[in-house]
Amino acid sequence: MSGYPAGRMGVDPRAKSAALWGLVGFLSFLVLVQSYALLATPIVTITGALGLGLVVGLAAGIGAYVLEPRLAARAADRRTE
């Protein structure tokens, strides 16, 4: 517990969570591309991999931001059953 009132200081927790999921998606994609490059012939250049990783990270972040309230509501409904 940080001691700060919710929503008063810093970034919105939902936006922070989505940004972190986007970062996880970005880094996971780069690890996947690097692993493939170590085992076989690289299919994209490093700049291409960074660009694709950025797209994957943005998609993961936006998906997390959109789906988080729905998943939380579904989990709350399942808890009441």
Protein backbone atom coordinates (compact mmCIF):
# COMPACT_ATOMS: atom_id res chain seq x y z
CA MET A 1 0.00 0.00 0.00
CA SER A 2 1.53 3.28 -1.10
CA GLY A 3 -0.28 5.62 1.27
CA TYR A 4 -1.58 7.82 -1.55
CA PRO A 5 -5.33 8.17 -2.12
CA ALA A 6 -6.45 6.32 -5.21
CA GLY A 7 -6.52 8.51 -8.29
CA ARG A 8 -4.81 11.47 -6.62
CA MET A 9 -1.16 10.90 -7.48
CA GLY A 10 0.55 9.40 -10.51
CA VAL A 11 -0.84 7.46 -13.41
CA ASP A 12 -4.23 5.77 -13.50
CA PRO A 13 -3.71 2.14 -12.37
CA ARG A 14 -5.61 0.82 -15.40
CA ALA A 15 -3.40 2.79 -17.81
CA LYS A 16 -0.27 1.71 -15.95
CA SER A 17 -1.32 -1.93 -16.14
CA ALA A 18 -2.02 -1.63 -19.88
CA ALA A 19 1.35 0.04 -20.48
CA LEU A 20 3.13 -2.73 -18.62
CA TRP A 21 1.28 -5.41 -20.62
CA GLY A 22 2.30 -3.57 -23.78
CA LEU A 23 5.92 -3.64 -22.63
CA VAL A 24 5.66 -7.36 -21.91
CA GLY A 25 4.24 -7.95 -25.40
CA PHE A 26 6.99 -5.87 -27.02
CA LEU A 27 9.81 -7.62 -25.19
CA SER A 28 8.28 -11.07 -25.66
CA PHE A 29 8.08 -10.54 -29.40
CA LEU A 30 11.71 -9.42 -29.54
CA VAL A 31 12.77 -12.52 -27.58
CA LEU A 32 10.82 -14.69 -30.01
CA VAL A 33 12.46 -13.06 -33.05
CA GLN A 34 15.93 -13.35 -31.49
CA SER A 35 15.36 -17.00 -30.61
CA TYR A 36 14.29 -17.76 -34.15
CA ALA A 37 17.33 -15.91 -35.50
CA LEU A 38 19.62 -18.06 -33.33
CA LEU A 39 18.06 -21.31 -34.55
CA ALA A 40 17.48 -20.45 -38.23
CA THR A 41 18.09 -17.70 -40.75
CA PRO A 42 16.76 -14.33 -39.53
CA ILE A 43 13.53 -13.47 -41.34
CA VAL A 44 13.56 -9.74 -40.56
CA THR A 45 16.21 -7.11 -39.89
CA ILE A 46 16.65 -5.66 -36.43
CA THR A 47 14.82 -2.47 -37.42
CA GLY A 48 11.99 -4.52 -38.87
CA ALA A 49 11.80 -6.56 -35.68
CA LEU A 50 11.69 -3.39 -33.59
CA GLY A 51 8.87 -2.01 -35.76
CA LEU A 52 6.87 -5.22 -35.57
CA GLY A 53 7.55 -5.42 -31.84
CA LEU A 54 6.18 -1.91 -31.43
CA VAL A 55 2.99 -2.93 -33.24
CA VAL A 56 2.68 -6.05 -31.08
CA GLY A 57 3.29 -4.02 -27.91
CA LEU A 58 0.68 -1.43 -28.88
CA ALA A 59 -1.85 -4.15 -29.66
CA ALA A 60 -1.17 -5.86 -26.32
CA GLY A 61 -1.48 -2.58 -24.41
CA ILE A 62 -4.69 -1.52 -26.14
CA GLY A 63 -6.13 -5.02 -25.72
CA ALA A 64 -5.30 -5.00 -22.02
CA TYR A 65 -6.83 -1.54 -21.55
CA VAL A 66 -10.05 -2.54 -23.32
CA LEU A 67 -10.46 -6.02 -21.85
CA GLU A 68 -9.45 -5.41 -18.23
CA PRO A 69 -12.83 -4.01 -17.03
CA ARG A 70 -14.70 -6.81 -18.80
CA LEU A 71 -12.53 -9.50 -17.25
CA ALA A 72 -12.81 -7.89 -13.80
CA ALA A 73 -16.61 -7.76 -14.09
CA ARG A 74 -16.72 -11.38 -15.20
CA ALA A 75 -14.51 -12.44 -12.28
CA ALA A 76 -16.73 -10.51 -9.84
CA ASP A 77 -19.83 -12.24 -11.25
CA ARG A 78 -18.23 -15.64 -10.87
CA ARG A 79 -17.30 -14.88 -7.26
CA THR A 80 -20.93 -14.20 -6.31
CA GLU A 81 -22.16 -17.54 -7.68
